Amino acid sequence: MKITKITIIFLVACLTLGVQDRRQVIANPTPILEVEAKSTAKPIPFSFPTNARVVLKDGDSRSGKVIDINSQNITIKKGESRRQEAIANVAQIKFKGEIWWPTSSKPIVFRGNEVETKGGPRRFQLRMDGLEWEDVEKGIAIIKPEAVVGVDDRKGLPRSMRNIINSRYIVSEMEFEPEQQILIITATSQSRKE
């Protein structure tokens, strides 16, 4: 009889612990696979051509090299002078000119015909804090994968962009949605000719 009572108490204790574990899982429903998928995505490599034309909403424009972008302003450098423009006043930025490409020893410069295109232009929507400069003077940057809101009007980061090797996205245009704190980058995937 004593063995039966001990067995029943043991089973009740096990069931109680099992129910508590389930409640904890239900209270925190973050899928384990989703967390792992986000951690495996690598930063997306970008190059900004050296010349930019900043078109303002009033029709005026500025030219030079974009050296900083944040949620409030962009900074344009022309020669030794720097000028800030409020993001709210910018309609778009168009890029052209030389492209710096990082290599294992040092960045090298290319012109448009020295890189080959892989497909058409893509439109990246990302949070304003999603762009990170690796070398601002050469226009070499990365996009943090967790900051990507969508690509080509689809939500999230496509699987094909989670591990880009031997290519970069070359930026041709940039737009802003300051109310939503969104940066829209139009870029084409390119690989360096060997």
N, C-alpha and C. Protein backbone atom coordinates (compact mmCIF):
# COMPACT_ATOMS: atom_id res chain seq x y z
N MET A 1 0.81 -1.19 0.00
CA MET A 1 0.00 0.00 0.00
C MET A 1 0.86 1.26 0.00
N LYS A 2 1.97 1.23 0.79
CA LYS A 2 2.85 2.39 0.84
C LYS A 2 3.49 2.65 -0.52
N ILE A 3 3.82 1.64 -1.24
CA ILE A 3 4.43 1.79 -2.56
C ILE A 3 3.45 2.45 -3.52
N THR A 4 2.20 2.12 -3.43
CA THR A 4 1.18 2.71 -4.30
C THR A 4 1.03 4.20 -4.01
N LYS A 5 1.00 4.59 -2.73
CA LYS A 5 0.89 6.01 -2.38
C LYS A 5 2.11 6.79 -2.87
N ILE A 6 3.29 6.24 -2.71
CA ILE A 6 4.51 6.89 -3.18
C ILE A 6 4.49 7.03 -4.69
N THR A 7 4.05 6.00 -5.39
CA THR A 7 3.96 6.04 -6.85
C THR A 7 2.98 7.13 -7.30
N ILE A 8 1.84 7.22 -6.63
CA ILE A 8 0.82 8.22 -6.99
C ILE A 8 1.36 9.63 -6.73
N ILE A 9 2.03 9.84 -5.62
CA ILE A 9 2.61 11.16 -5.31
C ILE A 9 3.67 11.52 -6.35
N PHE A 10 4.48 10.57 -6.73
CA PHE A 10 5.51 10.79 -7.74
C PHE A 10 4.88 11.17 -9.08
N LEU A 11 3.85 10.47 -9.51
CA LEU A 11 3.18 10.76 -10.78
C LEU A 11 2.52 12.15 -10.77
N VAL A 12 1.89 12.51 -9.66
CA VAL A 12 1.27 13.84 -9.55
C VAL A 12 2.34 14.92 -9.64
N ALA A 13 3.48 14.71 -9.01
CA ALA A 13 4.58 15.69 -9.06
C ALA A 13 5.10 15.84 -10.48
N CYS A 14 5.25 14.73 -11.17
CA CYS A 14 5.73 14.77 -12.57
C CYS A 14 4.74 15.51 -13.46
N LEU A 15 3.47 15.23 -13.31
CA LEU A 15 2.44 15.91 -14.11
C LEU A 15 2.42 17.41 -13.82
N THR A 16 2.59 17.78 -12.56
CA THR A 16 2.61 19.20 -12.19
C THR A 16 3.78 19.91 -12.87
N LEU A 17 4.96 19.30 -12.84
CA LEU A 17 6.12 19.89 -13.50
C LEU A 17 5.92 19.98 -15.01
N GLY A 18 5.34 18.95 -15.61
CA GLY A 18 5.07 18.95 -17.05
C GLY A 18 4.12 20.07 -17.46
N VAL A 19 3.09 20.30 -16.67
CA VAL A 19 2.13 21.37 -16.96
C VAL A 19 2.82 22.73 -16.85
N GLN A 20 3.69 22.92 -15.84
CA GLN A 20 4.41 24.19 -15.69
C GLN A 20 5.33 24.45 -16.87
N ASP A 21 6.02 23.41 -17.36
CA ASP A 21 6.88 23.56 -18.53
C ASP A 21 6.07 23.98 -19.75
N ARG A 22 4.89 23.39 -19.94
CA ARG A 22 4.04 23.75 -21.08
C ARG A 22 3.56 25.19 -20.97
N ARG A 23 3.21 25.62 -19.77
CA ARG A 23 2.78 27.01 -19.58
C ARG A 23 3.91 27.96 -19.95
N GLN A 24 5.13 27.61 -19.59
CA GLN A 24 6.28 28.46 -19.90
C GLN A 24 6.49 28.51 -21.41
N VAL A 25 6.35 27.40 -22.10
CA VAL A 25 6.49 27.37 -23.56
C VAL A 25 5.40 28.20 -24.22
N ILE A 26 4.17 28.10 -23.72
CA ILE A 26 3.06 28.87 -24.28
C ILE A 26 3.27 30.37 -24.03
N ALA A 27 3.78 30.73 -22.87
CA ALA A 27 4.01 32.14 -22.54
C ALA A 27 5.12 32.73 -23.39
N ASN A 28 6.07 31.94 -23.86
CA ASN A 28 7.18 32.41 -24.68
C ASN A 28 7.19 31.62 -25.99
N PRO A 29 6.32 31.97 -26.94
CA PRO A 29 6.16 31.15 -28.14
C PRO A 29 7.17 31.44 -29.25
N THR A 30 8.34 32.02 -28.96
CA THR A 30 9.32 32.30 -29.99
C THR A 30 9.84 30.98 -30.56
N PRO A 31 9.64 30.76 -31.85
CA PRO A 31 10.12 29.51 -32.44
C PRO A 31 11.65 29.44 -32.44
N ILE A 32 12.16 28.33 -32.03
CA ILE A 32 13.61 28.14 -31.97
C ILE A 32 14.21 28.22 -33.37
N LEU A 33 13.55 27.66 -34.37
CA LEU A 33 14.07 27.67 -35.74
C LEU A 33 14.19 29.09 -36.28
N GLU A 34 13.25 29.97 -35.96
CA GLU A 34 13.29 31.34 -36.43
C GLU A 34 14.51 32.07 -35.87
N VAL A 35 14.81 31.88 -34.61
CA VAL A 35 15.96 32.52 -33.98
C VAL A 35 17.24 32.03 -34.63
N GLU A 36 17.34 30.73 -34.90
CA GLU A 36 18.53 30.18 -35.54
C GLU A 36 18.68 30.72 -36.95
N ALA A 37 17.60 30.87 -37.71
CA ALA A 37 17.67 31.37 -39.08
C ALA A 37 18.20 32.80 -39.10
N LYS A 38 17.77 33.64 -38.15
CA LYS A 38 18.24 35.02 -38.12
C LYS A 38 19.72 35.08 -37.81
N SER A 39 20.20 34.22 -36.93
CA SER A 39 21.60 34.28 -36.54
C SER A 39 22.53 33.78 -37.63
N THR A 40 22.04 33.01 -38.60
CA THR A 40 22.91 32.50 -39.65
C THR A 40 23.04 33.45 -40.82
N ALA A 41 22.20 34.48 -40.93
CA ALA A 41 22.29 35.43 -42.03
C ALA A 41 23.51 36.33 -41.82
N LYS A 42 24.28 36.50 -42.89
CA LYS A 42 25.47 37.34 -42.83
C LYS A 42 25.14 38.74 -43.35
N PRO A 43 25.92 39.75 -42.96
CA PRO A 43 25.69 41.09 -43.49
C PRO A 43 25.77 41.10 -45.02
N ILE A 44 24.96 41.96 -45.64
CA ILE A 44 24.91 42.04 -47.10
C ILE A 44 25.88 43.13 -47.55
N PRO A 45 26.87 42.79 -48.41
CA PRO A 45 27.88 43.77 -48.82
C PRO A 45 27.35 44.75 -49.88
N PHE A 46 27.64 46.03 -49.67
CA PHE A 46 27.22 47.10 -50.59
C PHE A 46 28.39 48.01 -50.90
N SER A 47 28.37 48.58 -52.11
CA SER A 47 29.29 49.65 -52.46
C SER A 47 28.48 50.82 -53.01
N PHE A 48 28.80 52.01 -52.54
CA PHE A 48 28.16 53.23 -53.02
C PHE A 48 29.13 53.91 -53.98
N PRO A 49 28.76 54.08 -55.26
CA PRO A 49 29.65 54.78 -56.18
C PRO A 49 30.05 56.15 -55.63
N THR A 50 31.20 56.64 -56.09
CA THR A 50 31.82 57.82 -55.49
C THR A 50 31.04 59.12 -55.69
N ASN A 51 30.24 59.23 -56.73
CA ASN A 51 29.50 60.47 -56.99
C ASN A 51 28.02 60.28 -56.71
N ALA A 52 27.46 61.27 -56.02
CA ALA A 52 26.03 61.22 -55.71
C ALA A 52 25.40 62.56 -56.08
N ARG A 53 24.17 62.48 -56.57
CA ARG A 53 23.37 63.68 -56.83
C ARG A 53 22.15 63.59 -55.93
N VAL A 54 22.07 64.49 -54.96
CA VAL A 54 20.98 64.51 -53.99
C VAL A 54 19.91 65.45 -54.53
N VAL A 55 18.73 64.90 -54.84
CA VAL A 55 17.62 65.69 -55.36
C VAL A 55 16.70 66.01 -54.19
N LEU A 56 16.48 67.31 -53.98
CA LEU A 56 15.63 67.75 -52.88
C LEU A 56 14.18 67.84 -53.34
N LYS A 57 13.26 67.83 -52.40
CA LYS A 57 11.83 67.88 -52.72
C LYS A 57 11.42 69.18 -53.39
N ASP A 58 12.18 70.26 -53.16
CA ASP A 58 11.86 71.53 -53.81
C ASP A 58 12.43 71.64 -55.22
N GLY A 59 13.08 70.57 -55.72
CA GLY A 59 13.64 70.55 -57.06
C GLY A 59 15.11 70.89 -57.12
N ASP A 60 15.66 71.48 -56.09
CA ASP A 60 17.07 71.81 -56.02
C ASP A 60 17.88 70.51 -55.89
N SER A 61 19.18 70.58 -56.13
CA SER A 61 20.00 69.38 -55.97
C SER A 61 21.38 69.74 -55.46
N ARG A 62 22.05 68.76 -54.90
CA ARG A 62 23.42 68.88 -54.40
C ARG A 62 24.20 67.70 -54.98
N SER A 63 25.49 67.89 -55.16
CA SER A 63 26.30 66.77 -55.65
C SER A 63 27.54 66.62 -54.79
N GLY A 64 28.08 65.43 -54.78
CA GLY A 64 29.27 65.12 -54.00
C GLY A 64 29.25 63.67 -53.58
N LYS A 65 29.91 63.36 -52.50
CA LYS A 65 29.99 62.00 -51.97
C LYS A 65 29.19 61.93 -50.68
N VAL A 66 28.29 60.95 -50.59
CA VAL A 66 27.52 60.75 -49.37
C VAL A 66 28.44 60.06 -48.36
N ILE A 67 28.64 60.71 -47.20
CA ILE A 67 29.54 60.13 -46.20
C ILE A 67 28.85 59.78 -44.89
N ASP A 68 27.58 60.16 -44.76
CA ASP A 68 26.86 59.77 -43.55
C ASP A 68 25.36 59.81 -43.81
N ILE A 69 24.67 58.83 -43.26
CA ILE A 69 23.22 58.76 -43.32
C ILE A 69 22.74 58.34 -41.94
N ASN A 70 21.84 59.14 -41.36
CA ASN A 70 21.22 58.73 -40.11
C ASN A 70 19.74 59.07 -40.18
N SER A 71 19.02 58.89 -39.12
CA SER A 71 17.58 59.06 -39.16
C SER A 71 17.13 60.51 -39.38
N GLN A 72 18.02 61.48 -39.17
CA GLN A 72 17.66 62.89 -39.32
C GLN A 72 18.26 63.55 -40.56
N ASN A 73 19.53 63.25 -40.87
CA ASN A 73 20.27 63.97 -41.92
C ASN A 73 21.10 63.04 -42.79
N ILE A 74 21.49 63.58 -43.94
CA ILE A 74 22.56 62.97 -44.72
C ILE A 74 23.67 64.02 -44.82
N THR A 75 24.90 63.55 -44.91
CA THR A 75 26.03 64.46 -45.05
C THR A 75 26.68 64.21 -46.40
N ILE A 76 26.89 65.30 -47.14
CA ILE A 76 27.47 65.24 -48.48
C ILE A 76 28.81 65.97 -48.43
N LYS A 77 29.84 65.34 -48.98
CA LYS A 77 31.17 65.94 -49.01
C LYS A 77 31.53 66.27 -50.45
N LYS A 78 31.94 67.51 -50.68
CA LYS A 78 32.42 67.92 -52.01
C LYS A 78 33.71 68.68 -51.78
N GLY A 79 34.81 68.09 -52.24
CA GLY A 79 36.12 68.66 -51.95
C GLY A 79 36.37 68.56 -50.46
N GLU A 80 36.67 69.69 -49.84
CA GLU A 80 36.90 69.71 -48.40
C GLU A 80 35.67 70.15 -47.61
N SER A 81 34.64 70.62 -48.30
CA SER A 81 33.44 71.09 -47.58
C SER A 81 32.44 69.97 -47.39
N ARG A 82 31.68 70.09 -46.31
CA ARG A 82 30.64 69.12 -45.96
C ARG A 82 29.34 69.88 -45.77
N ARG A 83 28.25 69.25 -46.19
CA ARG A 83 26.95 69.89 -46.03
C ARG A 83 25.94 68.84 -45.59
N GLN A 84 25.10 69.22 -44.65
CA GLN A 84 24.04 68.31 -44.19
C GLN A 84 22.71 68.73 -44.78
N GLU A 85 21.91 67.74 -45.13
CA GLU A 85 20.53 67.96 -45.59
C GLU A 85 19.61 67.12 -44.73
N ALA A 86 18.49 67.68 -44.35
CA ALA A 86 17.52 66.92 -43.55
C ALA A 86 16.88 65.85 -44.43
N ILE A 87 16.77 64.65 -43.91
CA ILE A 87 16.15 63.54 -44.64
C ILE A 87 14.75 63.92 -45.13
N ALA A 88 14.02 64.68 -44.34
CA ALA A 88 12.65 65.08 -44.70
C ALA A 88 12.62 65.92 -45.97
N ASN A 89 13.75 66.58 -46.33
CA ASN A 89 13.82 67.42 -47.52
C ASN A 89 14.32 66.70 -48.76
N VAL A 90 14.77 65.46 -48.61
CA VAL A 90 15.39 64.73 -49.72
C VAL A 90 14.36 63.87 -50.44
N ALA A 91 14.28 64.04 -51.77
CA ALA A 91 13.39 63.21 -52.58
C ALA A 91 14.09 61.89 -52.93
N GLN A 92 15.33 61.97 -53.41
CA GLN A 92 16.10 60.77 -53.75
C GLN A 92 17.57 61.13 -53.93
N ILE A 93 18.40 60.09 -53.93
CA ILE A 93 19.83 60.24 -54.20
C ILE A 93 20.16 59.29 -55.33
N LYS A 94 20.84 59.80 -56.36
CA LYS A 94 21.27 58.97 -57.49
C LYS A 94 22.79 58.86 -57.46
N PHE A 95 23.29 57.63 -57.67
CA PHE A 95 24.72 57.37 -57.58
C PHE A 95 25.29 56.97 -58.94
N LYS A 96 26.54 57.39 -59.19
CA LYS A 96 27.29 56.95 -60.37
C LYS A 96 28.76 57.17 -60.08
N GLY A 97 29.61 56.67 -60.96
CA GLY A 97 31.04 56.90 -60.78
C GLY A 97 31.79 55.65 -60.40
N GLU A 98 32.98 55.84 -59.88
CA GLU A 98 33.87 54.74 -59.53
C GLU A 98 33.31 53.94 -58.36
N ILE A 99 33.70 52.66 -58.32
CA ILE A 99 33.25 51.75 -57.27
C ILE A 99 34.49 51.18 -56.59
N TRP A 100 34.52 51.31 -55.28
CA TRP A 100 35.60 50.68 -54.51
C TRP A 100 35.14 49.28 -54.12
N TRP A 101 36.05 48.32 -54.29
CA TRP A 101 35.75 46.92 -54.00
C TRP A 101 36.78 46.39 -53.00
N PRO A 102 36.34 45.96 -51.83
CA PRO A 102 37.32 45.48 -50.85
C PRO A 102 37.89 44.12 -51.26
N THR A 103 39.18 43.95 -51.03
CA THR A 103 39.84 42.65 -51.23
C THR A 103 40.54 42.30 -49.92
N SER A 104 41.21 41.16 -49.90
CA SER A 104 41.87 40.73 -48.66
C SER A 104 43.01 41.66 -48.27
N SER A 105 43.67 42.31 -49.23
CA SER A 105 44.79 43.19 -48.87
C SER A 105 44.35 44.65 -48.71
N LYS A 106 43.64 45.20 -49.70
CA LYS A 106 43.17 46.58 -49.62
C LYS A 106 42.07 46.79 -50.66
N PRO A 107 41.25 47.81 -50.47
CA PRO A 107 40.20 48.07 -51.47
C PRO A 107 40.82 48.53 -52.80
N ILE A 108 40.22 48.09 -53.90
CA ILE A 108 40.67 48.53 -55.22
C ILE A 108 39.50 49.21 -55.91
N VAL A 109 39.81 50.11 -56.84
CA VAL A 109 38.77 50.89 -57.50
C VAL A 109 38.44 50.29 -58.86
N PHE A 110 37.15 50.29 -59.18
CA PHE A 110 36.67 49.80 -60.48
C PHE A 110 35.78 50.85 -61.10
N ARG A 111 35.67 50.77 -62.39
CA ARG A 111 34.70 51.57 -63.11
C ARG A 111 33.59 50.65 -63.58
N GLY A 112 32.49 51.21 -64.00
CA GLY A 112 31.30 50.43 -64.31
C GLY A 112 31.47 49.22 -65.21
N ASN A 113 32.36 49.29 -66.22
CA ASN A 113 32.50 48.17 -67.15
C ASN A 113 33.42 47.07 -66.63
N GLU A 114 33.98 47.23 -65.44
CA GLU A 114 34.88 46.22 -64.89
C GLU A 114 34.19 45.28 -63.91
N VAL A 115 32.89 45.47 -63.74
CA VAL A 115 32.11 44.54 -62.93
C VAL A 115 30.93 44.07 -63.76
N GLU A 116 30.54 42.84 -63.57
CA GLU A 116 29.41 42.34 -64.37
C GLU A 116 28.17 42.16 -63.51
N THR A 117 27.03 42.45 -64.12
CA THR A 117 25.75 42.44 -63.43
C THR A 117 25.22 41.02 -63.29
N LYS A 118 24.58 40.76 -62.13
CA LYS A 118 23.87 39.50 -61.89
C LYS A 118 22.41 39.85 -61.69
N GLY A 119 21.62 39.83 -62.76
CA GLY A 119 20.19 40.12 -62.63
C GLY A 119 19.90 41.61 -62.63
N GLY A 120 18.65 41.94 -62.43
CA GLY A 120 18.20 43.32 -62.44
C GLY A 120 18.32 43.98 -61.09
N PRO A 121 17.95 45.25 -61.03
CA PRO A 121 18.02 45.97 -59.76
C PRO A 121 17.02 45.44 -58.74
N ARG A 122 17.42 45.49 -57.47
CA ARG A 122 16.57 45.07 -56.35
C ARG A 122 16.31 46.27 -55.48
N ARG A 123 15.15 46.30 -54.84
CA ARG A 123 14.80 47.40 -53.92
C ARG A 123 14.77 46.86 -52.49
N PHE A 124 15.71 47.34 -51.68
CA PHE A 124 15.84 46.93 -50.29
C PHE A 124 15.17 47.98 -49.41
N GLN A 125 14.25 47.56 -48.57
CA GLN A 125 13.66 48.43 -47.57
C GLN A 125 14.26 48.02 -46.23
N LEU A 126 14.85 48.98 -45.53
CA LEU A 126 15.46 48.66 -44.25
C LEU A 126 15.28 49.80 -43.27
N ARG A 127 15.43 49.47 -42.00
CA ARG A 127 15.37 50.49 -40.96
C ARG A 127 16.56 51.44 -41.15
N MET A 128 16.38 52.67 -40.71
CA MET A 128 17.42 53.69 -40.88
C MET A 128 18.73 53.30 -40.21
N ASP A 129 18.69 52.47 -39.18
CA ASP A 129 19.92 52.06 -38.49
C ASP A 129 20.54 50.81 -39.10
N GLY A 130 20.02 50.36 -40.24
CA GLY A 130 20.48 49.11 -40.84
C GLY A 130 21.72 49.20 -41.70
N LEU A 131 22.13 50.41 -42.05
CA LEU A 131 23.32 50.61 -42.89
C LEU A 131 24.52 50.86 -41.99
N GLU A 132 25.60 50.13 -42.23
CA GLU A 132 26.81 50.28 -41.43
C GLU A 132 28.01 50.45 -42.37
N TRP A 133 28.71 51.57 -42.21
CA TRP A 133 29.87 51.85 -43.06
C TRP A 133 31.07 51.02 -42.62
N GLU A 134 31.75 50.40 -43.57
CA GLU A 134 33.02 49.74 -43.29
C GLU A 134 34.17 50.68 -43.65
N ASP A 135 33.99 51.47 -44.72
CA ASP A 135 34.95 52.49 -45.13
C ASP A 135 34.15 53.60 -45.80
N VAL A 136 33.84 54.64 -45.04
CA VAL A 136 32.95 55.70 -45.53
C VAL A 136 33.57 56.46 -46.71
N GLU A 137 34.87 56.69 -46.70
CA GLU A 137 35.52 57.43 -47.78
C GLU A 137 35.47 56.68 -49.11
N LYS A 138 35.45 55.36 -49.05
CA LYS A 138 35.41 54.56 -50.27
C LYS A 138 34.00 54.04 -50.57
N GLY A 139 33.05 54.38 -49.74
CA GLY A 139 31.67 53.97 -49.99
C GLY A 139 31.42 52.49 -49.78
N ILE A 140 32.20 51.83 -48.93
CA ILE A 140 32.05 50.40 -48.67
C ILE A 140 31.21 50.24 -47.41
N ALA A 141 30.12 49.49 -47.54
CA ALA A 141 29.18 49.36 -46.42
C ALA A 141 28.58 47.96 -46.39
N ILE A 142 27.86 47.69 -45.32
CA ILE A 142 27.08 46.46 -45.21
C ILE A 142 25.68 46.83 -44.72
N ILE A 143 24.75 45.94 -45.00
CA ILE A 143 23.41 46.08 -44.44
C ILE A 143 23.26 44.95 -43.44
N LYS A 144 22.81 45.32 -42.24
CA LYS A 144 22.56 44.31 -41.21
C LYS A 144 21.31 43.52 -41.62
N PRO A 145 21.41 42.20 -41.71
CA PRO A 145 20.26 41.41 -42.18
C PRO A 145 19.02 41.56 -41.32
N GLU A 146 19.21 41.77 -40.01
CA GLU A 146 18.05 41.91 -39.12
C GLU A 146 17.32 43.24 -39.32
N ALA A 147 17.94 44.20 -40.03
CA ALA A 147 17.32 45.49 -40.28
C ALA A 147 16.50 45.52 -41.57
N VAL A 148 16.60 44.46 -42.38
CA VAL A 148 15.88 44.42 -43.65
C VAL A 148 14.40 44.18 -43.38
N VAL A 149 13.58 45.13 -43.84
CA VAL A 149 12.13 45.03 -43.70
C VAL A 149 11.55 44.22 -44.86
N GLY A 150 12.11 44.43 -46.06
CA GLY A 150 11.64 43.70 -47.22
C GLY A 150 12.54 43.95 -48.42
N VAL A 151 12.39 43.09 -49.42
CA VAL A 151 13.12 43.23 -50.67
C VAL A 151 12.12 43.07 -51.81
N ASP A 152 12.12 44.02 -52.73
CA ASP A 152 11.20 43.99 -53.88
C ASP A 152 9.75 43.83 -53.45
N ASP A 153 9.33 44.61 -52.49
CA ASP A 153 7.95 44.63 -51.99
C ASP A 153 7.51 43.31 -51.35
N ARG A 154 8.45 42.45 -50.98
CA ARG A 154 8.15 41.23 -50.22
C ARG A 154 8.77 41.39 -48.85
N LYS A 155 8.08 40.92 -47.84
CA LYS A 155 8.56 41.07 -46.47
C LYS A 155 9.76 40.17 -46.20
N GLY A 156 10.66 40.68 -45.39
CA GLY A 156 11.79 39.89 -44.93
C GLY A 156 12.94 39.81 -45.91
N LEU A 157 13.94 39.04 -45.52
CA LEU A 157 15.15 38.85 -46.31
C LEU A 157 15.07 37.52 -47.05
N PRO A 158 15.14 37.54 -48.39
CA PRO A 158 15.09 36.26 -49.13
C PRO A 158 16.26 35.34 -48.75
N ARG A 159 16.00 34.06 -48.78
CA ARG A 159 17.01 33.06 -48.42
C ARG A 159 18.29 33.22 -49.25
N SER A 160 18.15 33.60 -50.53
CA SER A 160 19.32 33.73 -51.42
C SER A 160 20.25 34.87 -51.01
N MET A 161 19.81 35.77 -50.14
CA MET A 161 20.64 36.90 -49.72
C MET A 161 21.24 36.69 -48.34
N ARG A 162 21.12 35.51 -47.79
CA ARG A 162 21.61 35.29 -46.42
C ARG A 162 23.08 34.95 -46.34
N ASN A 163 23.72 34.66 -47.46
CA ASN A 163 25.13 34.32 -47.45
C ASN A 163 25.74 34.66 -48.81
N ILE A 164 25.94 35.95 -49.05
CA ILE A 164 26.45 36.41 -50.35
C ILE A 164 27.96 36.27 -50.36
N ILE A 165 28.47 35.58 -51.38
CA ILE A 165 29.91 35.34 -51.50
C ILE A 165 30.37 35.82 -52.88
N ASN A 166 31.52 36.49 -52.94
CA ASN A 166 32.16 36.93 -54.18
C ASN A 166 31.33 37.90 -55.01
N SER A 167 30.40 38.58 -54.42
CA SER A 167 29.67 39.62 -55.13
C SER A 167 29.27 40.69 -54.13
N ARG A 168 28.78 41.81 -54.66
CA ARG A 168 28.35 42.94 -53.85
C ARG A 168 27.14 43.55 -54.53
N TYR A 169 26.40 44.34 -53.78
CA TYR A 169 25.32 45.13 -54.38
C TYR A 169 25.87 46.54 -54.60
N ILE A 170 25.73 47.01 -55.84
CA ILE A 170 26.18 48.35 -56.20
C ILE A 170 24.95 49.25 -56.23
N VAL A 171 24.99 50.28 -55.43
CA VAL A 171 23.83 51.16 -55.24
C VAL A 171 23.70 52.12 -56.42
N SER A 172 22.48 52.26 -56.93
CA SER A 172 22.21 53.23 -57.99
C SER A 172 21.31 54.36 -57.51
N GLU A 173 20.46 54.08 -56.49
CA GLU A 173 19.51 55.09 -56.04
C GLU A 173 19.12 54.82 -54.59
N MET A 174 18.75 55.90 -53.90
CA MET A 174 18.30 55.78 -52.52
C MET A 174 17.13 56.74 -52.30
N GLU A 175 16.12 56.25 -51.57
CA GLU A 175 14.96 57.06 -51.22
C GLU A 175 14.69 56.89 -49.73
N PHE A 176 13.82 57.75 -49.19
CA PHE A 176 13.56 57.72 -47.76
C PHE A 176 12.07 57.79 -47.48
N GLU A 177 11.64 57.12 -46.43
CA GLU A 177 10.31 57.27 -45.86
C GLU A 177 10.52 57.68 -44.41
N PRO A 178 10.77 59.00 -44.17
CA PRO A 178 11.16 59.43 -42.83
C PRO A 178 10.10 59.17 -41.75
N GLU A 179 8.82 59.18 -42.13
CA GLU A 179 7.77 58.95 -41.13
C GLU A 179 7.87 57.54 -40.55
N GLN A 180 8.22 56.56 -41.39
CA GLN A 180 8.36 55.17 -40.93
C GLN A 180 9.80 54.81 -40.57
N GLN A 181 10.73 55.78 -40.70
CA GLN A 181 12.15 55.54 -40.45
C GLN A 181 12.68 54.42 -41.35
N ILE A 182 12.29 54.48 -42.65
CA ILE A 182 12.68 53.46 -43.62
C ILE A 182 13.58 54.09 -44.69
N LEU A 183 14.61 53.36 -45.05
CA LEU A 183 15.54 53.72 -46.10
C LEU A 183 15.31 52.71 -47.23
N ILE A 184 15.17 53.20 -48.47
CA ILE A 184 14.96 52.31 -49.62
C ILE A 184 16.17 52.44 -50.54
N ILE A 185 16.86 51.33 -50.75
CA ILE A 185 18.06 51.33 -51.58
C ILE A 185 17.80 50.48 -52.82
N THR A 186 18.04 51.06 -53.99
CA THR A 186 17.98 50.30 -55.24
C THR A 186 19.41 49.95 -55.62
N ALA A 187 19.67 48.66 -55.81
CA ALA A 187 21.03 48.19 -56.07
C ALA A 187 21.00 46.95 -56.94
N THR A 188 22.10 46.72 -57.66
CA THR A 188 22.23 45.56 -58.53
C THR A 188 23.39 44.71 -58.05
N SER A 189 23.19 43.41 -58.00
CA SER A 189 24.23 42.49 -57.59
C SER A 189 25.26 42.38 -58.70
N GLN A 190 26.52 42.52 -58.32
CA GLN A 190 27.60 42.46 -59.30
C GLN A 190 28.76 41.65 -58.76
N SER A 191 29.48 41.00 -59.69
CA SER A 191 30.68 40.28 -59.30
C SER A 191 31.86 40.87 -60.04
N ARG A 192 33.01 40.78 -59.43
CA ARG A 192 34.21 41.35 -60.01
C ARG A 192 34.78 40.41 -61.06
N LYS A 193 35.15 40.97 -62.23
CA LYS A 193 35.79 40.16 -63.28
C LYS A 193 37.22 39.85 -62.84
N GLU A 194 37.62 38.60 -63.02
CA GLU A 194 38.98 38.19 -62.64
C GLU A 194 39.89 38.25 -63.83
